[in-house]
Amino acid sequence: MHMNWDVVNVEVKNNTALRVRFQDGLEGEVEFLPSAFRGVFAGLKDPGAFRQARVQDGVLTWPGDLDLAPDAMHHAIATHGKWVLD
């Protein structure tokens, strides 16, 4: 079952930011601050890895089973126009 917050498109803007579009038409940016590249996301410090962002089954993902919660991303973008991860 698809939800309004399913991600339908992702565009890599640079080595720390993405632009996403949701099924309901909402668009916005996801920005990683340097402090966000830790734990499971440490590998995304590598621009080559970060740029492998893709949409899989309505979720923004990277190789290695990394993903971002689409509902939280949608809420932040709906509220602030962007989601800043720190």
C-alpha atoms as a PDB file:
ATOM      1  CA  MET A   1       0.000   0.000   0.000  1.00  0.00           C
ATOM      2  CA  HIS A   2       1.416   3.357  -1.015  1.00  0.00           C
ATOM      3  CA  MET A   3       1.225   6.395   1.231  1.00  0.00           C
ATOM      4  CA  ASN A   4       1.330  10.097   0.414  1.00  0.00           C
ATOM      5  CA  TRP A   5       4.818  10.266   1.887  1.00  0.00           C
ATOM      6  CA  ASP A   6       6.247   7.692  -0.524  1.00  0.00           C
ATOM      7  CA  VAL A   7       9.272   9.181  -2.257  1.00  0.00           C
ATOM      8  CA  VAL A   8       8.892   9.098  -6.043  1.00  0.00           C
ATOM      9  CA  ASN A   9      12.038  10.947  -7.117  1.00  0.00           C
ATOM     10  CA  VAL A  10      15.439  11.872  -5.723  1.00  0.00           C
ATOM     11  CA  GLU A  11      18.006  14.190  -7.252  1.00  0.00           C
ATOM     12  CA  VAL A  12      21.506  14.553  -5.831  1.00  0.00           C
ATOM     13  CA  LYS A  13      22.251  18.280  -5.535  1.00  0.00           C
ATOM     14  CA  ASN A  14      25.785  18.021  -4.163  1.00  0.00           C
ATOM     15  CA  ASN A  15      27.809  15.818  -1.819  1.00  0.00           C
ATOM     16  CA  THR A  16      25.612  16.572   1.201  1.00  0.00           C
ATOM     17  CA  ALA A  17      22.160  17.492  -0.147  1.00  0.00           C
ATOM     18  CA  LEU A  18      19.332  15.854  -2.057  1.00  0.00           C
ATOM     19  CA  ARG A  19      16.068  17.059  -3.533  1.00  0.00           C
ATOM     20  CA  VAL A  20      13.134  14.706  -3.084  1.00  0.00           C
ATOM     21  CA  ARG A  21       9.594  14.592  -4.436  1.00  0.00           C
ATOM     22  CA  PHE A  22       6.797  12.706  -2.737  1.00  0.00           C
ATOM     23  CA  GLN A  23       3.775  10.969  -4.198  1.00  0.00           C
ATOM     24  CA  ASP A  24       1.508  13.812  -3.032  1.00  0.00           C
ATOM     25  CA  GLY A  25       3.580  16.372  -4.994  1.00  0.00           C
ATOM     26  CA  LEU A  26       5.476  17.840  -2.032  1.00  0.00           C
ATOM     27  CA  GLU A  27       9.104  18.636  -2.878  1.00  0.00           C
ATOM     28  CA  GLY A  28      11.998  19.722  -0.731  1.00  0.00           C
ATOM     29  CA  GLU A  29      15.605  19.271   0.255  1.00  0.00           C
ATOM     30  CA  VAL A  30      17.308  16.825   2.566  1.00  0.00           C
ATOM     31  CA  GLU A  31      20.593  18.187   3.865  1.00  0.00           C
ATOM     32  CA  PHE A  32      23.205  16.295   5.836  1.00  0.00           C
ATOM     33  CA  LEU A  33      25.294  18.411   8.181  1.00  0.00           C
ATOM     34  CA  PRO A  34      28.845  17.094   8.747  1.00  0.00           C
ATOM     35  CA  SER A  35      27.780  15.762  12.155  1.00  0.00           C
ATOM     36  CA  ALA A  36      25.162  13.513  10.492  1.00  0.00           C
ATOM     37  CA  PHE A  37      27.837  11.367   8.833  1.00  0.00           C
ATOM     38  CA  ARG A  38      28.324   9.049  11.798  1.00  0.00           C
ATOM     39  CA  GLY A  39      27.161   5.613  12.828  1.00  0.00           C
ATOM     40  CA  VAL A  40      25.414   3.811   9.993  1.00  0.00           C
ATOM     41  CA  PHE A  41      25.709   6.941   7.815  1.00  0.00           C
ATOM     42  CA  ALA A  42      29.502   7.314   8.250  1.00  0.00           C
ATOM     43  CA  GLY A  43      30.121   5.743   4.841  1.00  0.00           C
ATOM     44  CA  LEU A  44      28.061   8.456   3.119  1.00  0.00           C
ATOM     45  CA  LYS A  45      30.871  10.937   3.874  1.00  0.00           C
ATOM     46  CA  ASP A  46      32.342   9.506   0.670  1.00  0.00           C
ATOM     47  CA  PRO A  47      30.774  11.572  -2.143  1.00  0.00           C
ATOM     48  CA  GLY A  48      30.732   8.525  -4.407  1.00  0.00           C
ATOM     49  CA  ALA A  49      28.657   6.642  -1.862  1.00  0.00           C
ATOM     50  CA  PHE A  50      26.358   9.591  -1.086  1.00  0.00           C
ATOM     51  CA  ARG A  51      25.613  10.059  -4.787  1.00  0.00           C
ATOM     52  CA  GLN A  52      24.257   6.509  -5.024  1.00  0.00           C
ATOM     53  CA  ALA A  53      21.004   7.671  -3.395  1.00  0.00           C
ATOM     54  CA  ARG A  54      17.975   6.129  -5.074  1.00  0.00           C
ATOM     55  CA  VAL A  55      14.293   5.444  -4.516  1.00  0.00           C
ATOM     56  CA  GLN A  56      13.272   1.896  -3.719  1.00  0.00           C
ATOM     57  CA  ASP A  57       9.669   1.030  -2.874  1.00  0.00           C
ATOM     58  CA  GLY A  58       8.877   4.638  -1.927  1.00  0.00           C
ATOM     59  CA  VAL A  59      11.903   4.982   0.359  1.00  0.00           C
ATOM     60  CA  LEU A  60      15.113   6.982  -0.121  1.00  0.00           C
ATOM     61  CA  THR A  61      17.893   4.396   0.105  1.00  0.00           C
ATOM     62  CA  TRP A  62      21.594   3.800  -0.397  1.00  0.00           C
ATOM     63  CA  PRO A  63      23.469   0.541  -0.953  1.00  0.00           C
ATOM     64  CA  GLY A  64      24.118  -1.322   2.283  1.00  0.00           C
ATOM     65  CA  ASP A  65      20.518  -1.180   3.542  1.00  0.00           C
ATOM     66  CA  LEU A  66      20.721   2.507   4.495  1.00  0.00           C
ATOM     67  CA  ASP A  67      17.508   4.491   4.299  1.00  0.00           C
ATOM     68  CA  LEU A  68      15.708   7.523   5.673  1.00  0.00           C
ATOM     69  CA  ALA A  69      12.229   7.362   7.199  1.00  0.00           C
ATOM     70  CA  PRO A  70       9.913   8.824   4.528  1.00  0.00           C
ATOM     71  CA  ASP A  71       7.210   9.862   7.009  1.00  0.00           C
ATOM     72  CA  ALA A  72       9.647  11.904   9.129  1.00  0.00           C
ATOM     73  CA  MET A  73      11.206  13.390   5.983  1.00  0.00           C
ATOM     74  CA  HIS A  74       7.780  14.357   4.611  1.00  0.00           C
ATOM     75  CA  HIS A  75       6.756  15.971   7.904  1.00  0.00           C
ATOM     76  CA  ALA A  76       9.954  18.043   8.147  1.00  0.00           C
ATOM     77  CA  ILE A  77       9.738  19.214   4.525  1.00  0.00           C
ATOM     78  CA  ALA A  78       6.023  20.011   4.839  1.00  0.00           C
ATOM     79  CA  THR A  79       6.793  22.055   7.947  1.00  0.00           C
ATOM     80  CA  HIS A  80      10.141  23.696   7.126  1.00  0.00           C
ATOM     81  CA  GLY A  81      10.690  23.168   3.375  1.00  0.00           C
ATOM     82  CA  LYS A  82      13.749  21.054   4.102  1.00  0.00           C
ATOM     83  CA  TRP A  83      14.969  18.333   6.419  1.00  0.00           C
ATOM     84  CA  VAL A  84      18.358  18.998   7.988  1.00  0.00           C
ATOM     85  CA  LEU A  85      20.037  15.961   9.507  1.00  0.00           C
ATOM     86  CA  ASP A  86      22.658  16.639  12.170  1.00  0.00           C
END
